[in-house]
Amino acid sequence: MRVLHVGKYYPPFAGGMEYFLADLLRALPEQGVEVAALVHDERRGGQGARPAATDAIPIYRAPCHGRLLYAPLSPAFPFWLSRAIREFRPDLLHLHLPNTSAFAALLLPAARRLPWVIHWHADVVSSVIDRRLALAYRLYRPFEQRLLAASRAVIATSPPYLDSSAALAPWRERCRTIPLGLDPSRLPDPAPSDLALAESLWGGTGLRVLAIGRLTYYKGHDTLIRAAAELPEARFLIVGSGDQRERLVALIRSLGLDERVHLPGFQPDATLNALLASCDLLCLPSLERTEAFGLVLLEAMRFGKPVVASDIPGSGAGWVVRQAAHGRLTPPGDPARLASALRSLQMDPDRRRLGESGRRALRERFGMAPIAREVAEVYSGVDVGVHSRSPQTTGAER
């Protein structure tokens, strides 16, 4: 079977959805599936790029001209989708959502003739923090629902997210839950030089708390910074770039935490691996269901690190921590409860046990081999010999 994946971006663009896609594409050939992907070129204003004949996995990168409300702007995407279908000749499209460019599949006869599997990474949440998204979703929802109506199968990433998703409610009978996974070989043990750099970033002794993620509205980094004020013996690194950086820097200064809380910005993978290997625990303090899963929780498992994460109603993050039994959960947006959870792990002499539980969960539940097997099973349940159904003729719309 030949499957064309349609995603947002692809590494070296840093993001959980992107890293998972890369790991999945490497794992699926072992299940007898040939794969290619169409994504956006992360270089703003670039001309796009076609795969080379020598590429192990063909990656088509459509030109992109920035983002509007977190959505890539790529007017040429339909043309690139048509090209990828023509050149790769897939039996099936695997659409990773949310992604406004995936709506191009509704326009192209070549795409409508193929069966679709939708990978539902997250709802477009009507955020109470960024209220612009509520209006945007009114425009987005009709196209989203047409994609779902035309799909043959939908993959949700956790039972809580599926249960709480209003968008997926009409299509529950075609949904299957398969968690995100991680290939541990993508995160090698750090080299001595990278560990030395990590030590310089930590800059001192005490409990080492690491947070990794875009500095954006739903990540809850301000909650973590306020919690840091209650832990005078701990040091905090919040790694990533984003539009909230200046606001977070101002908060750190206002609380007098400049010596213990640092925002080192974007860091390359080698440095991230060294920081994960050298931290005492990882914190994911996100606030909303926009944090649908938290792939960084699996990265903590790779290095045997315990976690403290927000137990967001309807999100998969709390479910992951419960499945792995590798950390503590706190209410989102509560600095005092977050500080208490961090302090409990600081004082826990058996902290290593939680980390080892995470390692075991990565081997047995969240590794890429079992995830790819389950995805291939979804493909096998789709009749790829019938390519005539289109969004205009689905039973759901009749």
Protein backbone atom coordinates (compact mmCIF):
# COMPACT_ATOMS: atom_id res chain seq x y z
CA MET A 1 0.00 0.00 0.00
CA ARG A 2 1.15 3.51 -0.81
CA VAL A 3 0.06 6.28 1.58
CA LEU A 4 0.56 10.02 1.14
CA HIS A 5 0.56 11.92 4.44
CA VAL A 6 -0.56 15.55 4.44
CA GLY A 7 0.79 17.48 7.43
CA LYS A 8 1.62 20.97 8.62
CA TYR A 9 5.40 20.94 8.81
CA TYR A 10 8.24 18.42 9.04
CA PRO A 11 11.58 18.40 10.86
CA PRO A 12 13.80 20.34 11.17
CA PHE A 13 10.70 22.38 12.12
CA ALA A 14 10.37 21.67 15.85
CA GLY A 15 6.97 20.51 17.09
CA GLY A 16 5.32 17.45 18.58
CA MET A 17 3.05 16.87 15.58
CA GLU A 18 6.04 17.15 13.24
CA TYR A 19 8.34 14.84 15.20
CA PHE A 20 5.61 12.24 15.46
CA LEU A 21 4.99 12.39 11.71
CA ALA A 22 8.69 11.84 11.02
CA ASP A 23 8.86 8.87 13.42
CA LEU A 24 5.69 7.36 11.94
CA LEU A 25 6.96 7.66 8.36
CA ARG A 26 10.15 5.82 9.31
CA ALA A 27 8.23 3.05 11.07
CA LEU A 28 5.45 2.35 8.55
CA PRO A 29 7.67 0.71 5.85
CA GLU A 30 8.34 -2.10 8.33
CA GLN A 31 4.58 -2.73 8.21
CA GLY A 32 4.62 -3.03 4.41
CA VAL A 33 3.47 0.55 3.76
CA GLU A 34 5.25 2.86 1.30
CA VAL A 35 4.98 6.46 2.44
CA ALA A 36 5.50 10.03 1.30
CA ALA A 37 4.44 13.35 2.81
CA LEU A 38 3.32 16.79 1.70
CA VAL A 39 3.97 19.56 4.22
CA HIS A 40 4.70 23.29 4.25
CA ASP A 41 8.19 24.63 3.72
CA GLU A 42 9.18 26.06 7.11
CA ARG A 43 11.37 28.67 5.38
CA ARG A 44 9.11 31.67 5.04
CA GLY A 45 8.94 32.91 1.48
CA GLY A 46 10.75 29.86 0.10
CA GLN A 47 9.99 28.34 -3.27
CA GLY A 48 9.15 24.93 -1.87
CA ALA A 49 11.07 21.73 -2.50
CA ARG A 50 10.41 18.44 -4.23
CA PRO A 51 11.98 15.21 -2.96
CA ALA A 52 15.19 13.98 -4.51
CA ALA A 53 15.27 10.59 -6.17
CA THR A 54 17.71 9.38 -3.49
CA ASP A 55 15.49 10.35 -0.53
CA ALA A 56 14.48 7.35 1.55
CA ILE A 57 11.13 9.02 2.28
CA PRO A 58 9.80 11.51 -0.30
CA ILE A 59 8.90 14.81 1.37
CA TYR A 60 7.17 17.48 -0.70
CA ARG A 61 7.44 20.97 0.85
CA ALA A 62 4.90 23.47 -0.46
CA PRO A 63 5.91 27.15 -0.32
CA CYS A 64 4.55 28.99 2.72
CA HIS A 65 4.23 32.73 3.32
CA GLY A 66 3.88 32.89 7.07
CA ARG A 67 0.99 32.09 9.39
CA LEU A 68 -2.35 33.61 10.30
CA LEU A 69 -3.78 32.57 13.69
CA TYR A 70 -1.31 29.65 13.79
CA ALA A 71 -2.43 28.41 10.33
CA PRO A 72 0.13 28.25 7.48
CA LEU A 73 -0.52 30.55 4.51
CA SER A 74 0.13 28.51 1.38
CA PRO A 75 -1.99 29.44 -1.69
CA ALA A 76 -0.01 26.97 -3.81
CA PHE A 77 -0.78 24.00 -1.55
CA PRO A 78 -3.53 22.55 -3.82
CA PHE A 79 -1.11 22.53 -6.75
CA TRP A 80 1.50 20.74 -4.67
CA LEU A 81 -1.07 18.20 -3.48
CA SER A 82 -2.03 17.53 -7.08
CA ARG A 83 1.65 17.11 -7.98
CA ALA A 84 2.34 14.76 -5.06
CA ILE A 85 -0.66 12.58 -5.96
CA ARG A 86 0.39 12.49 -9.61
CA GLU A 87 4.02 11.61 -8.89
CA PHE A 88 3.69 9.33 -5.84
CA ARG A 89 0.43 7.65 -6.96
CA PRO A 90 -0.90 6.87 -3.47
CA ASP A 91 -3.66 4.40 -2.67
CA LEU A 92 -4.76 6.45 0.33
CA LEU A 93 -4.43 9.93 1.85
CA HIS A 94 -3.59 10.29 5.54
CA LEU A 95 -4.56 13.82 6.60
CA HIS A 96 -3.10 15.20 9.84
CA LEU A 97 -5.38 17.82 11.42
CA PRO A 98 -5.69 20.63 12.40
CA ASN A 99 -4.34 21.98 9.13
CA THR A 100 -6.28 24.41 6.95
CA SER A 101 -4.25 23.40 3.90
CA ALA A 102 -5.68 19.88 4.13
CA PHE A 103 -8.95 21.39 2.90
CA ALA A 104 -7.32 21.31 -0.55
CA ALA A 105 -8.34 17.64 -0.66
CA LEU A 106 -11.96 18.81 -0.93
CA LEU A 107 -11.17 20.72 -4.13
CA LEU A 108 -9.13 18.26 -6.16
CA PRO A 109 -10.80 15.44 -8.12
CA ALA A 110 -7.60 13.40 -7.83
CA ALA A 111 -7.78 13.66 -4.02
CA ARG A 112 -11.53 12.98 -3.84
CA ARG A 113 -11.06 9.75 -5.78
CA LEU A 114 -8.82 8.42 -2.97
CA PRO A 115 -9.97 7.16 0.44
CA TRP A 116 -8.94 9.31 3.39
CA VAL A 117 -7.79 8.53 6.92
CA ILE A 118 -7.78 11.53 9.27
CA HIS A 119 -5.33 11.75 12.16
CA TRP A 120 -7.03 13.99 14.72
CA HIS A 121 -4.17 15.57 16.66
CA ALA A 122 -6.31 18.28 18.26
CA ASP A 123 -9.56 20.18 18.04
CA VAL A 124 -9.42 23.82 17.04
CA VAL A 125 -10.22 24.87 20.58
CA SER A 126 -12.48 27.90 21.11
CA SER A 127 -9.92 29.31 23.51
CA VAL A 128 -10.91 31.39 26.52
CA ILE A 129 -7.36 32.79 26.41
CA ASP A 130 -7.04 33.69 22.72
CA ARG A 131 -10.62 34.61 21.82
CA ARG A 132 -9.78 35.17 18.16
CA LEU A 133 -9.89 31.40 17.72
CA ALA A 134 -13.60 31.23 18.51
CA LEU A 135 -14.43 33.40 15.50
CA ALA A 136 -11.90 31.60 13.31
CA TYR A 137 -13.42 28.24 14.20
CA ARG A 138 -16.81 29.32 12.87
CA LEU A 139 -15.18 29.65 9.46
CA TYR A 140 -13.06 26.51 9.88
CA ARG A 141 -15.72 24.11 11.15
CA PRO A 142 -17.77 23.55 7.95
CA PHE A 143 -14.65 22.46 6.05
CA GLU A 144 -13.45 20.35 8.97
CA GLN A 145 -16.78 18.56 9.09
CA ARG A 146 -16.75 17.94 5.33
CA LEU A 147 -13.36 16.29 5.67
CA LEU A 148 -14.65 14.12 8.49
CA ALA A 149 -17.77 13.23 6.53
CA ALA A 150 -15.64 12.06 3.60
CA SER A 151 -13.16 10.09 5.69
CA ARG A 152 -13.08 6.31 5.94
CA ALA A 153 -11.46 6.28 9.40
CA VAL A 154 -10.43 8.77 12.08
CA ILE A 155 -7.54 8.26 14.49
CA ALA A 156 -7.82 10.07 17.85
CA THR A 157 -4.77 10.20 20.11
CA SER A 158 -6.35 9.41 23.50
CA PRO A 159 -9.68 8.25 24.93
CA PRO A 160 -10.27 11.47 26.92
CA TYR A 161 -9.71 13.63 23.87
CA LEU A 162 -12.07 11.55 21.76
CA ASP A 163 -14.73 11.57 24.48
CA SER A 164 -14.57 15.35 24.89
CA SER A 165 -14.34 16.35 21.22
CA ALA A 166 -17.57 17.95 19.99
CA ALA A 167 -16.16 17.96 16.45
CA LEU A 168 -15.72 14.17 16.45
CA ALA A 169 -19.03 13.37 18.15
CA PRO A 170 -21.00 12.82 14.90
CA TRP A 171 -18.32 10.44 13.60
CA ARG A 172 -17.63 8.28 16.64
CA GLU A 173 -18.42 5.05 14.81
CA ARG A 174 -15.42 5.53 12.50
CA CYS A 175 -12.99 6.70 15.23
CA ARG A 176 -10.21 4.61 16.71
CA THR A 177 -7.87 5.64 19.52
CA ILE A 178 -4.15 5.22 18.85
CA PRO A 179 -1.77 7.26 21.05
CA LEU A 180 1.15 9.18 19.69
CA GLY A 181 4.46 7.34 19.89
CA LEU A 182 8.15 8.01 19.88
CA ASP A 183 11.21 6.35 18.34
CA PRO A 184 13.85 6.38 21.12
CA SER A 185 16.65 6.22 18.55
CA ARG A 186 15.68 9.74 17.45
CA LEU A 187 16.85 10.96 20.87
CA PRO A 188 20.40 9.58 21.25
CA ASP A 189 22.43 9.79 24.44
CA PRO A 190 24.09 13.22 24.51
CA ALA A 191 27.74 13.73 23.69
CA PRO A 192 30.06 15.07 26.44
CA SER A 193 30.25 18.46 24.70
CA ASP A 194 26.46 18.77 24.70
CA LEU A 195 26.28 17.78 28.35
CA ALA A 196 28.85 20.47 29.13
CA LEU A 197 26.70 23.03 27.34
CA ALA A 198 23.66 21.86 29.28
CA GLU A 199 25.55 22.27 32.55
CA SER A 200 26.38 25.85 31.62
CA LEU A 201 22.70 26.55 30.90
CA TRP A 202 21.63 25.15 34.28
CA GLY A 203 24.22 27.36 35.91
CA GLY A 204 24.07 26.05 39.48
CA THR A 205 22.85 23.47 41.97
CA GLY A 206 19.36 22.63 43.22
CA LEU A 207 16.37 20.84 41.74
CA ARG A 208 16.49 21.15 37.95
CA VAL A 209 13.08 21.67 36.35
CA LEU A 210 12.86 21.65 32.56
CA ALA A 211 9.98 22.84 30.36
CA ILE A 212 10.10 22.51 26.57
CA GLY A 213 7.61 24.11 24.20
CA ARG A 214 6.65 27.13 22.18
CA LEU A 215 6.25 30.28 24.23
CA THR A 216 2.61 30.62 23.30
CA TYR A 217 -0.69 31.38 24.96
CA TYR A 218 -1.80 27.92 26.12
CA LYS A 219 1.50 26.51 27.45
CA GLY A 220 1.09 27.93 30.98
CA HIS A 221 4.69 29.07 31.37
CA ASP A 222 3.57 32.02 33.49
CA THR A 223 2.06 29.50 35.94
CA LEU A 224 5.40 27.69 36.14
CA ILE A 225 7.26 30.96 36.71
CA ARG A 226 4.93 31.89 39.58
CA ALA A 227 5.42 28.41 41.05
CA ALA A 228 9.19 28.90 40.82
CA ALA A 229 8.90 31.81 43.24
CA GLU A 230 7.86 29.29 45.92
CA LEU A 231 10.83 26.97 45.33
CA PRO A 232 13.95 28.98 46.23
CA GLU A 233 16.29 25.98 45.92
CA ALA A 234 15.21 25.04 42.38
CA ARG A 235 16.42 26.15 38.96
CA PHE A 236 14.15 26.37 35.91
CA LEU A 237 14.81 26.32 32.18
CA ILE A 238 11.93 27.08 29.81
CA VAL A 239 13.21 26.17 26.35
CA GLY A 240 11.54 27.46 23.20
CA SER A 241 10.68 30.58 21.23
CA GLY A 242 7.39 32.34 20.64
CA ASP A 243 5.23 35.42 20.89
CA GLN A 244 4.98 35.33 24.70
CA ARG A 245 8.71 35.68 25.35
CA GLU A 246 8.77 39.38 26.28
CA ARG A 247 5.81 39.01 28.62
CA LEU A 248 7.48 36.05 30.36
CA VAL A 249 10.79 37.89 30.69
CA ALA A 250 8.96 40.79 32.33
CA LEU A 251 7.24 38.42 34.77
CA ILE A 252 10.55 36.78 35.71
CA ARG A 253 12.07 40.20 36.43
CA SER A 254 9.08 41.40 38.40
CA LEU A 255 9.33 38.36 40.69
CA GLY A 256 13.10 38.69 41.10
CA LEU A 257 13.79 35.28 39.57
CA ASP A 258 16.46 36.28 37.04
CA GLU A 259 19.08 34.07 38.72
CA ARG A 260 16.97 30.91 38.81
CA VAL A 261 14.56 31.02 35.86
CA HIS A 262 15.97 31.28 32.36
CA LEU A 263 14.53 31.36 28.84
CA PRO A 264 17.41 30.16 26.64
CA GLY A 265 15.30 30.32 23.47
CA PHE A 266 15.21 27.73 20.73
CA GLN A 267 17.80 25.00 21.15
CA PRO A 268 18.96 22.33 18.68
CA ASP A 269 18.00 18.71 19.24
CA ALA A 270 21.43 17.76 20.62
CA THR A 271 21.15 20.40 23.33
CA LEU A 272 17.55 19.43 24.13
CA ASN A 273 18.62 15.81 24.59
CA ALA A 274 21.40 16.92 26.93
CA LEU A 275 18.96 19.05 28.94
CA LEU A 276 16.54 16.15 29.21
CA ALA A 277 19.36 13.86 30.33
CA SER A 278 20.61 16.36 32.93
CA CYS A 279 17.32 17.63 34.41
CA ASP A 280 15.68 16.21 37.52
CA LEU A 281 12.16 16.40 36.12
CA LEU A 282 10.12 17.74 33.24
CA CYS A 283 7.14 20.06 33.68
CA LEU A 284 4.25 20.51 31.23
CA PRO A 285 2.08 23.29 32.77
CA SER A 286 -0.32 23.78 29.84
CA LEU A 287 -3.72 25.41 30.35
CA GLU A 288 -6.13 24.25 27.62
CA ARG A 289 -7.10 21.28 25.45
CA THR A 290 -5.00 22.81 22.69
CA GLU A 291 -2.37 20.72 24.51
CA ALA A 292 -3.98 17.56 23.21
CA PHE A 293 -1.33 14.98 24.11
CA GLY A 294 2.11 16.34 25.06
CA LEU A 295 4.71 14.42 23.06
CA VAL A 296 7.38 15.87 25.34
CA LEU A 297 6.01 13.54 28.05
CA LEU A 298 7.27 10.64 25.93
CA GLU A 299 10.63 12.35 25.49
CA ALA A 300 10.91 12.46 29.29
CA MET A 301 10.23 8.69 29.30
CA ARG A 302 13.14 8.17 26.91
CA PHE A 303 15.54 9.66 29.47
CA GLY A 304 13.86 8.13 32.51
CA LYS A 305 12.69 11.45 33.96
CA PRO A 306 9.60 11.95 36.13
CA VAL A 307 7.11 14.61 35.09
CA VAL A 308 4.68 17.11 36.56
CA ALA A 309 1.86 17.94 34.13
CA SER A 310 -1.44 19.78 34.09
CA ASP A 311 -4.48 17.51 34.35
CA ILE A 312 -6.42 19.39 31.67
CA PRO A 313 -10.05 18.21 31.37
CA GLY A 314 -10.56 16.49 28.03
CA SER A 315 -6.84 16.44 27.16
CA GLY A 316 -4.66 13.39 26.66
CA ALA A 317 -1.78 14.76 28.75
CA GLY A 318 -3.18 13.53 32.07
CA TRP A 319 -4.09 10.21 30.46
CA VAL A 320 -0.48 9.72 29.32
CA VAL A 321 0.86 10.34 32.83
CA ARG A 322 -1.68 7.94 34.33
CA GLN A 323 -0.87 5.26 31.75
CA ALA A 324 2.86 5.57 32.36
CA ALA A 325 2.62 6.21 36.12
CA HIS A 326 5.70 8.42 35.80
CA GLY A 327 4.73 11.63 37.53
CA ARG A 328 2.29 13.97 39.26
CA LEU A 329 -0.76 15.81 37.94
CA THR A 330 -1.94 19.26 39.00
CA PRO A 331 -4.91 21.51 38.13
CA PRO A 332 -4.07 23.80 35.19
CA GLY A 333 -3.30 27.42 36.02
CA ASP A 334 -2.71 26.88 39.76
CA PRO A 335 0.83 28.02 40.75
CA ALA A 336 0.46 26.93 44.37
CA ARG A 337 -0.59 23.37 43.51
CA LEU A 338 2.12 23.19 40.86
CA ALA A 339 4.74 24.32 43.36
CA SER A 340 3.49 21.70 45.84
CA ALA A 341 3.79 18.92 43.25
CA LEU A 342 7.31 20.02 42.29
CA ARG A 343 8.27 20.19 45.95
CA SER A 344 6.93 16.68 46.57
CA LEU A 345 9.19 15.30 43.84
CA GLN A 346 12.11 17.37 45.13
CA MET A 347 11.75 15.62 48.49
CA ASP A 348 10.94 12.16 47.07
CA PRO A 349 13.90 9.80 47.58
CA ASP A 350 12.25 7.35 45.18
CA ARG A 351 12.08 9.79 42.27
CA ARG A 352 14.10 7.41 40.10
CA ARG A 353 11.31 4.82 40.32
CA LEU A 354 8.92 7.15 38.51
CA GLY A 355 11.45 7.67 35.75
CA GLU A 356 11.92 3.93 35.31
CA SER A 357 8.16 3.50 35.07
CA GLY A 358 8.24 5.94 32.19
CA ARG A 359 11.00 4.02 30.43
CA ARG A 360 8.93 0.85 30.71
CA ALA A 361 5.82 2.58 29.34
CA LEU A 362 7.78 3.81 26.32
CA ARG A 363 8.92 0.28 25.55
CA GLU A 364 5.56 -1.38 26.05
CA ARG A 365 2.93 1.21 25.09
CA PHE A 366 4.30 4.31 23.38
CA GLY A 367 7.09 2.99 21.15
CA MET A 368 6.74 3.51 17.41
CA ALA A 369 6.63 -0.17 16.43
CA PRO A 370 3.28 -0.90 18.16
CA ILE A 371 1.88 2.49 17.06
CA ALA A 372 2.82 1.89 13.41
CA ARG A 373 1.26 -1.57 13.62
CA GLU A 374 -2.03 -0.11 14.79
CA VAL A 375 -1.98 2.59 12.09
CA ALA A 376 -1.31 -0.06 9.43
CA GLU A 377 -4.31 -2.00 10.76
CA VAL A 378 -6.46 1.08 10.16
CA TYR A 379 -5.19 1.23 6.59
CA SER A 380 -5.96 -2.45 6.07
CA GLY A 381 -9.58 -1.81 7.02
CA VAL A 382 -9.98 0.75 4.24
CA ASP A 383 -11.05 -0.45 0.80
CA VAL A 384 -8.37 1.17 -1.33
CA GLY A 385 -9.77 -0.44 -4.45
CA VAL A 386 -12.76 1.92 -4.52
CA HIS A 387 -11.73 5.52 -5.18
CA SER A 388 -15.02 6.92 -6.41
CA ARG A 389 -16.53 8.28 -3.21
CA SER A 390 -16.29 12.03 -2.83
CA PRO A 391 -17.34 14.51 -0.13
CA GLN A 392 -20.39 15.33 -2.23
CA THR A 393 -21.71 11.75 -2.20
CA THR A 394 -21.08 10.44 1.31
CA GLY A 395 -23.99 8.85 3.14
CA ALA A 396 -23.49 11.26 6.02
CA GLU A 397 -24.24 14.23 3.75
CA ARG A 398 -27.11 12.62 1.86
